[in-house]
């Protein structure tokens, strides 16, 4: 019974503060919902990758600055 309720809740979408059961949508509307879900997944994945890129860029920038600073101290 709990699984059925969870499954039913997963199939409910909210648009403009109104809830719709996906099974009540027509074929085109269901397709658009699937497109939107896929796009949201892609957006989340891209954000995840961007977080990694930003963190890595900051790490290598700081390492470069540290290395240049340490080389300048040696030569002075």
N, C-alpha and C. Protein backbone atom coordinates (compact mmCIF):
# COMPACT_ATOMS: atom_id res chain seq x y z
N UNK A 1 0.82 -1.19 0.00
CA UNK A 1 0.00 0.00 0.00
C UNK A 1 0.86 1.26 0.00
N UNK A 2 1.92 1.27 0.80
CA UNK A 2 2.81 2.43 0.84
C UNK A 2 3.49 2.62 -0.50
N UNK A 3 3.94 1.53 -1.11
CA UNK A 3 4.59 1.64 -2.41
C UNK A 3 3.64 2.21 -3.46
N UNK A 4 2.38 1.80 -3.40
CA UNK A 4 1.41 2.32 -4.35
C UNK A 4 1.24 3.82 -4.17
N UNK A 5 1.18 4.28 -2.93
CA UNK A 5 1.03 5.70 -2.67
C UNK A 5 2.26 6.46 -3.16
N UNK A 6 3.45 5.92 -2.89
CA UNK A 6 4.67 6.57 -3.35
C UNK A 6 4.70 6.61 -4.87
N UNK A 7 4.32 5.51 -5.50
CA UNK A 7 4.34 5.46 -6.95
C UNK A 7 3.34 6.47 -7.52
N UNK A 8 2.16 6.54 -6.93
CA UNK A 8 1.16 7.50 -7.39
C UNK A 8 1.68 8.93 -7.23
N UNK A 9 2.36 9.19 -6.12
CA UNK A 9 2.87 10.53 -5.88
C UNK A 9 3.96 10.89 -6.88
N UNK A 10 4.76 9.91 -7.29
CA UNK A 10 5.80 10.17 -8.27
C UNK A 10 5.21 10.57 -9.62
N UNK A 11 4.01 10.12 -9.89
CA UNK A 11 3.37 10.39 -11.17
C UNK A 11 2.56 11.68 -11.16
N UNK A 12 2.62 12.40 -10.07
CA UNK A 12 1.89 13.65 -9.97
C UNK A 12 2.86 14.80 -10.23
N UNK A 13 2.49 15.68 -11.14
CA UNK A 13 3.32 16.85 -11.43
C UNK A 13 2.55 18.10 -11.04
N UNK A 14 3.28 19.13 -10.71
CA UNK A 14 2.65 20.39 -10.31
C UNK A 14 3.02 21.47 -11.31
N UNK A 15 2.00 22.11 -11.85
CA UNK A 15 2.19 23.20 -12.80
C UNK A 15 1.32 24.36 -12.34
N UNK A 16 1.95 25.50 -12.10
CA UNK A 16 1.22 26.68 -11.63
C UNK A 16 0.37 26.37 -10.39
N UNK A 17 0.99 25.67 -9.44
CA UNK A 17 0.37 25.33 -8.17
C UNK A 17 -0.84 24.39 -8.30
N UNK A 18 -0.97 23.74 -9.41
CA UNK A 18 -2.05 22.77 -9.61
C UNK A 18 -1.43 21.41 -9.91
N UNK A 19 -1.95 20.37 -9.27
CA UNK A 19 -1.39 19.04 -9.45
C UNK A 19 -2.13 18.28 -10.55
N UNK A 20 -1.34 17.54 -11.33
CA UNK A 20 -1.87 16.72 -12.42
C UNK A 20 -1.27 15.33 -12.32
N UNK A 21 -2.08 14.34 -12.52
CA UNK A 21 -1.58 12.98 -12.61
C UNK A 21 -1.11 12.77 -14.04
N UNK A 22 0.09 12.27 -14.17
CA UNK A 22 0.65 12.10 -15.53
C UNK A 22 -0.23 11.23 -16.41
N UNK A 23 -0.88 10.24 -15.82
CA UNK A 23 -1.72 9.35 -16.64
C UNK A 23 -2.95 10.08 -17.19
N UNK A 24 -3.29 11.22 -16.61
CA UNK A 24 -4.42 12.01 -17.10
C UNK A 24 -4.03 12.93 -18.25
N UNK A 25 -2.74 13.06 -18.48
CA UNK A 25 -2.26 13.93 -19.56
C UNK A 25 -2.34 13.19 -20.89
N UNK A 26 -2.48 13.95 -21.96
CA UNK A 26 -2.50 13.29 -23.26
C UNK A 26 -1.07 12.90 -23.66
N UNK A 27 -0.97 12.21 -24.77
CA UNK A 27 0.32 11.66 -25.20
C UNK A 27 1.38 12.75 -25.40
N UNK A 28 1.02 13.86 -26.03
CA UNK A 28 1.96 14.96 -26.25
C UNK A 28 2.40 15.58 -24.93
N UNK A 29 1.46 15.74 -24.02
CA UNK A 29 1.79 16.32 -22.72
C UNK A 29 2.73 15.40 -21.93
N UNK A 30 2.47 14.10 -21.98
CA UNK A 30 3.36 13.14 -21.32
C UNK A 30 4.76 13.19 -21.92
N UNK A 31 4.82 13.34 -23.23
CA UNK A 31 6.11 13.45 -23.92
C UNK A 31 6.86 14.70 -23.44
N UNK A 32 6.14 15.81 -23.32
CA UNK A 32 6.78 17.05 -22.86
C UNK A 32 7.27 16.91 -21.42
N UNK A 33 6.50 16.21 -20.59
CA UNK A 33 6.93 15.97 -19.21
C UNK A 33 8.22 15.15 -19.20
N UNK A 34 8.29 14.13 -20.04
CA UNK A 34 9.52 13.33 -20.14
C UNK A 34 10.69 14.17 -20.62
N UNK A 35 10.44 15.04 -21.59
CA UNK A 35 11.49 15.93 -22.08
C UNK A 35 11.99 16.84 -20.95
N UNK A 36 11.06 17.40 -20.20
CA UNK A 36 11.44 18.29 -19.11
C UNK A 36 12.22 17.56 -18.02
N UNK A 37 11.82 16.33 -17.72
CA UNK A 37 12.55 15.53 -16.72
C UNK A 37 13.98 15.26 -17.21
N UNK A 38 14.10 14.91 -18.49
CA UNK A 38 15.42 14.64 -19.06
C UNK A 38 16.28 15.90 -19.05
N UNK A 39 15.69 17.03 -19.40
CA UNK A 39 16.43 18.28 -19.41
C UNK A 39 16.88 18.67 -18.00
N UNK A 40 16.02 18.44 -17.01
CA UNK A 40 16.40 18.73 -15.63
C UNK A 40 17.55 17.84 -15.19
N UNK A 41 17.50 16.56 -15.57
CA UNK A 41 18.61 15.64 -15.26
C UNK A 41 19.90 16.13 -15.90
N UNK A 42 19.81 16.56 -17.16
CA UNK A 42 21.00 17.06 -17.85
C UNK A 42 21.53 18.32 -17.19
N UNK A 43 20.61 19.21 -16.81
CA UNK A 43 21.02 20.45 -16.14
C UNK A 43 21.73 20.14 -14.83
N UNK A 44 21.17 19.21 -14.06
CA UNK A 44 21.80 18.83 -12.80
C UNK A 44 23.18 18.22 -13.03
N UNK A 45 23.31 17.39 -14.07
CA UNK A 45 24.59 16.78 -14.38
C UNK A 45 25.61 17.83 -14.81
N UNK A 46 25.18 18.78 -15.62
CA UNK A 46 26.09 19.84 -16.06
C UNK A 46 26.52 20.70 -14.88
N UNK A 47 25.60 20.98 -13.96
CA UNK A 47 25.95 21.76 -12.77
C UNK A 47 26.97 21.01 -11.93
N UNK A 48 26.78 19.69 -11.80
CA UNK A 48 27.71 18.85 -11.06
C UNK A 48 29.10 18.93 -11.69
N UNK A 49 29.15 18.83 -13.02
CA UNK A 49 30.43 18.92 -13.72
C UNK A 49 31.04 20.31 -13.58
N UNK A 50 30.22 21.36 -13.65
CA UNK A 50 30.73 22.72 -13.49
C UNK A 50 31.33 22.92 -12.10
N UNK A 51 30.68 22.37 -11.07
CA UNK A 51 31.23 22.46 -9.72
C UNK A 51 32.62 21.83 -9.66
N UNK A 52 32.78 20.69 -10.34
CA UNK A 52 34.09 20.03 -10.39
C UNK A 52 35.11 20.88 -11.14
N UNK A 53 34.71 21.45 -12.27
CA UNK A 53 35.61 22.28 -13.07
C UNK A 53 36.04 23.52 -12.29
N UNK A 54 35.10 24.17 -11.64
CA UNK A 54 35.42 25.38 -10.87
C UNK A 54 36.37 25.04 -9.73
N UNK A 55 36.08 23.98 -9.00
CA UNK A 55 36.95 23.59 -7.88
C UNK A 55 38.35 23.23 -8.38
N UNK A 56 38.42 22.49 -9.47
CA UNK A 56 39.73 22.10 -10.03
C UNK A 56 40.50 23.32 -10.54
N UNK A 57 39.81 24.24 -11.19
CA UNK A 57 40.46 25.45 -11.69
C UNK A 57 41.03 26.28 -10.54
N UNK A 58 40.25 26.40 -9.48
CA UNK A 58 40.73 27.15 -8.31
C UNK A 58 41.93 26.46 -7.69
N UNK A 59 41.89 25.13 -7.62
CA UNK A 59 43.01 24.38 -7.06
C UNK A 59 44.29 24.63 -7.86
N UNK A 60 44.19 24.47 -9.20
CA UNK A 60 45.39 24.64 -10.03
C UNK A 60 45.85 26.09 -10.08
N UNK A 61 44.93 27.03 -10.03
CA UNK A 61 45.31 28.44 -9.96
C UNK A 61 46.11 28.71 -8.69
N UNK A 62 45.60 28.22 -7.57
CA UNK A 62 46.30 28.41 -6.30
C UNK A 62 47.65 27.71 -6.27
N UNK A 63 47.73 26.51 -6.85
CA UNK A 63 49.01 25.79 -6.92
C UNK A 63 50.01 26.55 -7.78
N UNK A 64 49.55 27.12 -8.90
CA UNK A 64 50.44 27.88 -9.78
C UNK A 64 50.95 29.12 -9.06
N UNK A 65 50.06 29.84 -8.40
CA UNK A 65 50.47 31.04 -7.65
C UNK A 65 51.48 30.66 -6.57
N UNK A 66 51.19 29.59 -5.86
CA UNK A 66 52.10 29.13 -4.81
C UNK A 66 53.47 28.77 -5.38
N UNK A 67 53.48 28.08 -6.52
CA UNK A 67 54.74 27.67 -7.14
C UNK A 67 55.53 28.88 -7.64
N UNK A 68 54.85 29.82 -8.26
CA UNK A 68 55.53 31.03 -8.75
C UNK A 68 56.09 31.83 -7.58
N UNK A 69 55.30 31.98 -6.52
CA UNK A 69 55.76 32.70 -5.34
C UNK A 69 56.98 32.03 -4.72
N UNK A 70 56.97 30.71 -4.66
CA UNK A 70 58.09 30.00 -4.04
C UNK A 70 59.35 30.11 -4.92
N UNK A 71 59.19 30.12 -6.25
CA UNK A 71 60.33 30.28 -7.17
C UNK A 71 60.90 31.69 -7.07
N UNK A 72 60.04 32.69 -6.91
CA UNK A 72 60.52 34.07 -6.77
C UNK A 72 61.31 34.23 -5.49
N UNK A 73 60.91 33.58 -4.43
CA UNK A 73 61.61 33.68 -3.17
C UNK A 73 62.99 33.03 -3.25
N UNK A 74 63.08 31.94 -4.03
CA UNK A 74 64.36 31.26 -4.20
C UNK A 74 65.33 32.13 -4.99
N UNK A 75 64.82 32.79 -6.03
CA UNK A 75 65.70 33.60 -6.88
C UNK A 75 66.07 34.93 -6.24
N UNK A 76 65.33 35.37 -5.24
CA UNK A 76 65.64 36.65 -4.59
C UNK A 76 66.58 36.47 -3.46
